[in-house]
Amino acid sequence: MALDEGRILLTEDKDFGQLVYSSAQPSAGVVFFRFPARARAGLAKAAKDLVHQQGNRLTGRFVVVQPGRVRFGAPQKS
């Protein structure tokens, strides 16, 4: 549904990495949040900061967000 609507998917499900990379499934973009229980209080702020600071880089990418760290994968086909 996100791909059909051209939307970036926000998730905590690591299976999306498998779909995007290993299975070469097209994506409008996936942001994977990898926050341990002790850091969960900061997840919403991290999401807001990511969109505010890097929003133009999210489209078509697989992005991993961890406390204090953001990693951008290569652009994917949509």
PDB file of N, CA and C in Angstrom:
ATOM      1  N   MET A   1       0.828  -1.182   0.000  1.00  0.00           N
ATOM      2  CA  MET A   1       0.000   0.000   0.000  1.00  0.00           C
ATOM      3  C   MET A   1       0.880   1.256   0.000  1.00  0.00           C
ATOM      4  N   ALA A   2       1.955   1.257   0.819  1.00  0.00           N
ATOM      5  CA  ALA A   2       2.843   2.425   0.869  1.00  0.00           C
ATOM      6  C   ALA A   2       3.469   2.677  -0.500  1.00  0.00           C
ATOM      7  N   LEU A   3       3.902   1.634  -1.180  1.00  0.00           N
ATOM      8  CA  LEU A   3       4.496   1.784  -2.510  1.00  0.00           C
ATOM      9  C   LEU A   3       3.470   2.329  -3.498  1.00  0.00           C
ATOM     10  N   ASP A   4       2.277   1.758  -3.486  1.00  0.00           N
ATOM     11  CA  ASP A   4       1.220   2.207  -4.404  1.00  0.00           C
ATOM     12  C   ASP A   4       0.894   3.686  -4.221  1.00  0.00           C
ATOM     13  N   GLU A   5       0.988   4.160  -2.985  1.00  0.00           N
ATOM     14  CA  GLU A   5       0.669   5.555  -2.687  1.00  0.00           C
ATOM     15  C   GLU A   5       1.906   6.451  -2.660  1.00  0.00           C
ATOM     16  N   GLY A   6       3.093   5.875  -2.935  1.00  0.00           N
ATOM     17  CA  GLY A   6       4.326   6.657  -2.944  1.00  0.00           C
ATOM     18  C   GLY A   6       4.730   7.166  -1.580  1.00  0.00           C
ATOM     19  N   ARG A   7       4.423   6.383  -0.552  1.00  0.00           N
ATOM     20  CA  ARG A   7       4.698   6.807   0.826  1.00  0.00           C
ATOM     21  C   ARG A   7       5.895   6.062   1.407  1.00  0.00           C
ATOM     22  N   ILE A   8       6.605   6.730   2.273  1.00  0.00           N
ATOM     23  CA  ILE A   8       7.721   6.125   2.988  1.00  0.00           C
ATOM     24  C   ILE A   8       7.154   5.374   4.184  1.00  0.00           C
ATOM     25  N   LEU A   9       7.602   4.144   4.349  1.00  0.00           N
ATOM     26  CA  LEU A   9       7.120   3.296   5.432  1.00  0.00           C
ATOM     27  C   LEU A   9       8.006   3.455   6.660  1.00  0.00           C
ATOM     28  N   LEU A  10       7.408   3.716   7.811  1.00  0.00           N
ATOM     29  CA  LEU A  10       8.108   3.762   9.087  1.00  0.00           C
ATOM     30  C   LEU A  10       7.801   2.466   9.809  1.00  0.00           C
ATOM     31  N   THR A  11       8.839   1.772  10.283  1.00  0.00           N
ATOM     32  CA  THR A  11       8.611   0.467  10.882  1.00  0.00           C
ATOM     33  C   THR A  11       9.651   0.123  11.937  1.00  0.00           C
ATOM     34  N   GLU A  12       9.307  -0.837  12.763  1.00  0.00           N
ATOM     35  CA  GLU A  12      10.245  -1.457  13.692  1.00  0.00           C
ATOM     36  C   GLU A  12      10.437  -2.929  13.331  1.00  0.00           C
ATOM     37  N   ASP A  13       9.881  -3.342  12.214  1.00  0.00           N
ATOM     38  CA  ASP A  13       9.936  -4.728  11.758  1.00  0.00           C
ATOM     39  C   ASP A  13      11.130  -4.924  10.826  1.00  0.00           C
ATOM     40  N   LYS A  14      12.143  -5.650  11.289  1.00  0.00           N
ATOM     41  CA  LYS A  14      13.364  -5.819  10.486  1.00  0.00           C
ATOM     42  C   LYS A  14      13.150  -6.664   9.238  1.00  0.00           C
ATOM     43  N   ASP A  15      12.020  -7.330   9.098  1.00  0.00           N
ATOM     44  CA  ASP A  15      11.741  -8.102   7.882  1.00  0.00           C
ATOM     45  C   ASP A  15      11.667  -7.214   6.642  1.00  0.00           C
ATOM     46  N   PHE A  16      11.409  -5.918   6.809  1.00  0.00           N
ATOM     47  CA  PHE A  16      11.354  -5.036   5.655  1.00  0.00           C
ATOM     48  C   PHE A  16      12.727  -4.888   5.002  1.00  0.00           C
ATOM     49  N   GLY A  17      13.795  -4.983   5.780  1.00  0.00           N
ATOM     50  CA  GLY A  17      15.138  -4.973   5.213  1.00  0.00           C
ATOM     51  C   GLY A  17      15.350  -6.162   4.308  1.00  0.00           C
ATOM     52  N   GLN A  18      14.853  -7.313   4.722  1.00  0.00           N
ATOM     53  CA  GLN A  18      14.930  -8.528   3.907  1.00  0.00           C
ATOM     54  C   GLN A  18      14.182  -8.329   2.591  1.00  0.00           C
ATOM     55  N   LEU A  19      13.007  -7.747   2.655  1.00  0.00           N
ATOM     56  CA  LEU A  19      12.210  -7.531   1.446  1.00  0.00           C
ATOM     57  C   LEU A  19      12.886  -6.555   0.484  1.00  0.00           C
ATOM     58  N   VAL A  20      13.415  -5.475   1.011  1.00  0.00           N
ATOM     59  CA  VAL A  20      14.004  -4.440   0.177  1.00  0.00           C
ATOM     60  C   VAL A  20      15.325  -4.898  -0.436  1.00  0.00           C
ATOM     61  N   TYR A  21      16.188  -5.524   0.365  1.00  0.00           N
ATOM     62  CA  TYR A  21      17.519  -5.879  -0.130  1.00  0.00           C
ATOM     63  C   TYR A  21      17.593  -7.278  -0.721  1.00  0.00           C
ATOM     64  N   SER A  22      17.298  -8.272   0.051  1.00  0.00           N
ATOM     65  CA  SER A  22      17.463  -9.645  -0.419  1.00  0.00           C
ATOM     66  C   SER A  22      16.468 -10.026  -1.507  1.00  0.00           C
ATOM     67  N   SER A  23      15.231  -9.602  -1.352  1.00  0.00           N
ATOM     68  CA  SER A  23      14.199  -9.954  -2.322  1.00  0.00           C
ATOM     69  C   SER A  23      14.062  -8.910  -3.423  1.00  0.00           C
ATOM     70  N   ALA A  24      14.810  -7.824  -3.332  1.00  0.00           N
ATOM     71  CA  ALA A  24      14.802  -6.746  -4.324  1.00  0.00           C
ATOM     72  C   ALA A  24      13.398  -6.224  -4.611  1.00  0.00           C
ATOM     73  N   GLN A  25      12.581  -6.114  -3.567  1.00  0.00           N
ATOM     74  CA  GLN A  25      11.242  -5.560  -3.723  1.00  0.00           C
ATOM     75  C   GLN A  25      11.333  -4.046  -3.860  1.00  0.00           C
ATOM     76  N   PRO A  26      10.567  -3.444  -4.743  1.00  0.00           N
ATOM     77  CA  PRO A  26      10.595  -1.989  -4.888  1.00  0.00           C
ATOM     78  C   PRO A  26      10.037  -1.309  -3.642  1.00  0.00           C
ATOM     79  N   SER A  27      10.467  -0.080  -3.431  1.00  0.00           N
ATOM     80  CA  SER A  27      10.065   0.652  -2.242  1.00  0.00           C
ATOM     81  C   SER A  27      10.114   2.149  -2.509  1.00  0.00           C
ATOM     82  N   ALA A  28       9.163   2.884  -1.952  1.00  0.00           N
ATOM     83  CA  ALA A  28       9.208   4.343  -2.000  1.00  0.00           C
ATOM     84  C   ALA A  28      10.130   4.867  -0.906  1.00  0.00           C
ATOM     85  N   GLY A  29      10.528   3.964  -0.013  1.00  0.00           N
ATOM     86  CA  GLY A  29      11.413   4.290   1.106  1.00  0.00           C
ATOM     87  C   GLY A  29      10.954   3.581   2.356  1.00  0.00           C
ATOM     88  N   VAL A  30      11.923   3.144   3.151  1.00  0.00           N
ATOM     89  CA  VAL A  30      11.637   2.484   4.421  1.00  0.00           C
ATOM     90  C   VAL A  30      12.544   3.095   5.476  1.00  0.00           C
ATOM     91  N   VAL A  31      11.963   3.484   6.610  1.00  0.00           N
ATOM     92  CA  VAL A  31      12.737   3.939   7.761  1.00  0.00           C
ATOM     93  C   VAL A  31      12.521   2.907   8.856  1.00  0.00           C
ATOM     94  N   PHE A  32      13.607   2.224   9.210  1.00  0.00           N
ATOM     95  CA  PHE A  32      13.575   1.172  10.226  1.00  0.00           C
ATOM     96  C   PHE A  32      14.122   1.735  11.533  1.00  0.00           C
ATOM     97  N   PHE A  33      13.282   1.744  12.559  1.00  0.00           N
ATOM     98  CA  PHE A  33      13.680   2.226  13.876  1.00  0.00           C
ATOM     99  C   PHE A  33      14.141   1.052  14.719  1.00  0.00           C
ATOM    100  N   ARG A  34      15.361   1.146  15.187  1.00  0.00           N
ATOM    101  CA  ARG A  34      15.968   0.076  15.984  1.00  0.00           C
ATOM    102  C   ARG A  34      16.317   0.660  17.354  1.00  0.00           C
ATOM    103  N   PHE A  35      15.316   0.715  18.213  1.00  0.00           N
ATOM    104  CA  PHE A  35      15.476   1.321  19.532  1.00  0.00           C
ATOM    105  C   PHE A  35      15.254   0.267  20.616  1.00  0.00           C
ATOM    106  N   PRO A  36      16.238   0.052  21.482  1.00  0.00           N
ATOM    107  CA  PRO A  36      16.035  -0.878  22.595  1.00  0.00           C
ATOM    108  C   PRO A  36      15.037  -0.291  23.601  1.00  0.00           C
ATOM    109  N   ALA A  37      14.495  -1.140  24.433  1.00  0.00           N
ATOM    110  CA  ALA A  37      13.464  -0.723  25.395  1.00  0.00           C
ATOM    111  C   ALA A  37      13.897   0.488  26.223  1.00  0.00           C
ATOM    112  N   ARG A  38      15.148   0.520  26.628  1.00  0.00           N
ATOM    113  CA  ARG A  38      15.614   1.615  27.499  1.00  0.00           C
ATOM    114  C   ARG A  38      15.657   2.967  26.776  1.00  0.00           C
ATOM    115  N   ALA A  39      15.604   2.962  25.446  1.00  0.00           N
ATOM    116  CA  ALA A  39      15.693   4.199  24.668  1.00  0.00           C
ATOM    117  C   ALA A  39      14.383   4.561  23.971  1.00  0.00           C
ATOM    118  N   ARG A  40      13.318   3.819  24.214  1.00  0.00           N
ATOM    119  CA  ARG A  40      12.050   4.015  23.507  1.00  0.00           C
ATOM    120  C   ARG A  40      11.465   5.409  23.682  1.00  0.00           C
ATOM    121  N   ALA A  41      11.720   6.021  24.794  1.00  0.00           N
ATOM    122  CA  ALA A  41      11.166   7.362  25.035  1.00  0.00           C
ATOM    123  C   ALA A  41      11.664   8.372  24.000  1.00  0.00           C
ATOM    124  N   GLY A  42      12.802   8.114  23.383  1.00  0.00           N
ATOM    125  CA  GLY A  42      13.362   9.036  22.404  1.00  0.00           C
ATOM    126  C   GLY A  42      12.989   8.746  20.964  1.00  0.00           C
ATOM    127  N   LEU A  43      12.189   7.717  20.709  1.00  0.00           N
ATOM    128  CA  LEU A  43      11.868   7.318  19.339  1.00  0.00           C
ATOM    129  C   LEU A  43      11.075   8.386  18.587  1.00  0.00           C
ATOM    130  N   ALA A  44      10.057   8.935  19.167  1.00  0.00           N
ATOM    131  CA  ALA A  44       9.232   9.943  18.483  1.00  0.00           C
ATOM    132  C   ALA A  44      10.056  11.179  18.132  1.00  0.00           C
ATOM    133  N   LYS A  45      10.911  11.619  19.037  1.00  0.00           N
ATOM    134  CA  LYS A  45      11.764  12.771  18.759  1.00  0.00           C
ATOM    135  C   LYS A  45      12.749  12.440  17.642  1.00  0.00           C
ATOM    136  N   ALA A  46      13.294  11.246  17.642  1.00  0.00           N
ATOM    137  CA  ALA A  46      14.228  10.834  16.588  1.00  0.00           C
ATOM    138  C   ALA A  46      13.534  10.849  15.226  1.00  0.00           C
ATOM    139  N   ALA A  47      12.278  10.388  15.172  1.00  0.00           N
ATOM    140  CA  ALA A  47      11.520  10.391  13.918  1.00  0.00           C
ATOM    141  C   ALA A  47      11.279  11.823  13.448  1.00  0.00           C
ATOM    142  N   LYS A  48      10.868  12.672  14.343  1.00  0.00           N
ATOM    143  CA  LYS A  48      10.616  14.081  14.002  1.00  0.00           C
ATOM    144  C   LYS A  48      11.897  14.753  13.521  1.00  0.00           C
ATOM    145  N   ASP A  49      12.996  14.543  14.226  1.00  0.00           N
ATOM    146  CA  ASP A  49      14.272  15.149  13.849  1.00  0.00           C
ATOM    147  C   ASP A  49      14.747  14.637  12.488  1.00  0.00           C
ATOM    148  N   LEU A  50      14.557  13.343  12.246  1.00  0.00           N
ATOM    149  CA  LEU A  50      14.965  12.764  10.971  1.00  0.00           C
ATOM    150  C   LEU A  50      14.229  13.429   9.813  1.00  0.00           C
ATOM    151  N   VAL A  51      12.923  13.558   9.925  1.00  0.00           N
ATOM    152  CA  VAL A  51      12.135  14.171   8.856  1.00  0.00           C
ATOM    153  C   VAL A  51      12.524  15.639   8.690  1.00  0.00           C
ATOM    154  N   HIS A  52      12.705  16.334   9.783  1.00  0.00           N
ATOM    155  CA  HIS A  52      13.058  17.755   9.728  1.00  0.00           C
ATOM    156  C   HIS A  52      14.444  17.965   9.105  1.00  0.00           C
ATOM    157  N   GLN A  53      15.412  17.158   9.491  1.00  0.00           N
ATOM    158  CA  GLN A  53      16.793  17.367   9.064  1.00  0.00           C
ATOM    159  C   GLN A  53      17.155  16.652   7.759  1.00  0.00           C
ATOM    160  N   GLN A  54      16.535  15.516   7.486  1.00  0.00           N
ATOM    161  CA  GLN A  54      16.942  14.687   6.354  1.00  0.00           C
ATOM    162  C   GLN A  54      15.788  14.290   5.443  1.00  0.00           C
ATOM    163  N   GLY A  55      14.654  14.927   5.585  1.00  0.00           N
ATOM    164  CA  GLY A  55      13.462  14.531   4.847  1.00  0.00           C
ATOM    165  C   GLY A  55      13.661  14.353   3.354  1.00  0.00           C
ATOM    166  N   ASN A  56      14.453  15.216   2.744  1.00  0.00           N
ATOM    167  CA  ASN A  56      14.662  15.132   1.296  1.00  0.00           C
ATOM    168  C   ASN A  56      15.526  13.934   0.894  1.00  0.00           C
ATOM    169  N   ARG A  57      16.180  13.279   1.832  1.00  0.00           N
ATOM    170  CA  ARG A  57      17.030  12.119   1.525  1.00  0.00           C
ATOM    171  C   ARG A  57      16.322  10.785   1.763  1.00  0.00           C
ATOM    172  N   LEU A  58      15.109  10.782   2.279  1.00  0.00           N
ATOM    173  CA  LEU A  58      14.436   9.546   2.673  1.00  0.00           C
ATOM    174  C   LEU A  58      13.794   8.787   1.509  1.00  0.00           C
ATOM    175  N   THR A  59      13.357   9.495   0.503  1.00  0.00           N
ATOM    176  CA  THR A  59      12.636   8.871  -0.606  1.00  0.00           C
ATOM    177  C   THR A  59      13.504   7.839  -1.318  1.00  0.00           C
ATOM    178  N   GLY A  60      12.961   6.632  -1.442  1.00  0.00           N
ATOM    179  CA  GLY A  60      13.636   5.565  -2.169  1.00  0.00           C
ATOM    180  C   GLY A  60      14.808   4.933  -1.447  1.00  0.00           C
ATOM    181  N   ARG A  61      14.940   5.166  -0.170  1.00  0.00           N
ATOM    182  CA  ARG A  61      16.067   4.617   0.591  1.00  0.00           C
ATOM    183  C   ARG A  61      15.588   3.723   1.722  1.00  0.00           C
ATOM    184  N   PHE A  62      16.490   2.843   2.148  1.00  0.00           N
ATOM    185  CA  PHE A  62      16.281   2.090   3.382  1.00  0.00           C
ATOM    186  C   PHE A  62      17.166   2.762   4.421  1.00  0.00           C
ATOM    187  N   VAL A  63      16.530   3.308   5.457  1.00  0.00           N
ATOM    188  CA  VAL A  63      17.235   4.083   6.476  1.00  0.00           C
ATOM    189  C   VAL A  63      17.077   3.375   7.813  1.00  0.00           C
ATOM    190  N   VAL A  64      18.178   3.221   8.523  1.00  0.00           N
ATOM    191  CA  VAL A  64      18.150   2.614   9.857  1.00  0.00           C
ATOM    192  C   VAL A  64      18.418   3.718  10.868  1.00  0.00           C
ATOM    193  N   VAL A  65      17.496   3.861  11.824  1.00  0.00           N
ATOM    194  CA  VAL A  65      17.631   4.876  12.864  1.00  0.00           C
ATOM    195  C   VAL A  65      17.811   4.170  14.199  1.00  0.00           C
ATOM    196  N   GLN A  66      18.908   4.488  14.853  1.00  0.00           N
ATOM    197  CA  GLN A  66      19.198   3.982  16.194  1.00  0.00           C
ATOM    198  C   GLN A  66      19.455   5.188  17.080  1.00  0.00           C
ATOM    199  N   PRO A  67      19.399   5.031  18.384  1.00  0.00           N
ATOM    200  CA  PRO A  67      19.679   6.174  19.253  1.00  0.00           C
ATOM    201  C   PRO A  67      21.042   6.788  18.906  1.00  0.00           C
ATOM    202  N   GLY A  68      21.031   8.055  18.494  1.00  0.00           N
ATOM    203  CA  GLY A  68      22.262   8.759  18.178  1.00  0.00           C
ATOM    204  C   GLY A  68      22.905   8.418  16.847  1.00  0.00           C
ATOM    205  N   ARG A  69      22.224   7.649  16.001  1.00  0.00           N
ATOM    206  CA  ARG A  69      22.824   7.230  14.736  1.00  0.00           C
ATOM    207  C   ARG A  69      21.771   7.029  13.652  1.00  0.00           C
ATOM    208  N   VAL A  70      22.087   7.471  12.423  1.00  0.00           N
ATOM    209  CA  VAL A  70      21.218   7.264  11.269  1.00  0.00           C
ATOM    210  C   VAL A  70      22.094   6.751  10.134  1.00  0.00           C
ATOM    211  N   ARG A  71      21.689   5.631   9.515  1.00  0.00           N
ATOM    212  CA  ARG A  71      22.430   5.072   8.381  1.00  0.00           C
ATOM    213  C   ARG A  71      21.522   5.038   7.157  1.00  0.00           C
ATOM    214  N   PHE A  72      22.022   5.537   6.047  1.00  0.00           N
ATOM    215  CA  PHE A  72      21.281   5.568   4.791  1.00  0.00           C
ATOM    216  C   PHE A  72      21.800   4.490   3.855  1.00  0.00           C
ATOM    217  N   GLY A  73      20.896   3.653   3.361  1.00  0.00           N
ATOM    218  CA  GLY A  73      21.252   2.693   2.335  1.00  0.00           C
ATOM    219  C   GLY A  73      21.235   3.369   0.976  1.00  0.00           C
ATOM    220  N   ALA A  74      21.724   2.665  -0.004  1.00  0.00           N
ATOM    221  CA  ALA A  74      21.719   3.195  -1.383  1.00  0.00           C
ATOM    222  C   ALA A  74      20.280   3.383  -1.845  1.00  0.00           C
ATOM    223  N   PRO A  75      20.063   4.326  -2.741  1.00  0.00           N
ATOM    224  CA  PRO A  75      18.698   4.501  -3.291  1.00  0.00           C
ATOM    225  C   PRO A  75      18.185   3.203  -3.919  1.00  0.00           C
ATOM    226  N   GLN A  76      16.915   2.918  -3.710  1.00  0.00           N
ATOM    227  CA  GLN A  76      16.284   1.711  -4.242  1.00  0.00           C
ATOM    228  C   GLN A  76      15.360   2.077  -5.388  1.00  0.00           C
ATOM    229  N   LYS A  77      15.040   1.090  -6.211  1.00  0.00           N
ATOM    230  CA  LYS A  77      14.067   1.295  -7.272  1.00  0.00           C
ATOM    231  C   LYS A  77      12.681   1.392  -6.673  1.00  0.00           C
ATOM    232  N   SER A  78      11.858   2.248  -7.227  1.00  0.00           N
ATOM    233  CA  SER A  78      10.482   2.368  -6.730  1.00  0.00           C
ATOM    234  C   SER A  78       9.513   1.748  -7.710  1.00  0.00           C
TER     235      SER A  78
END
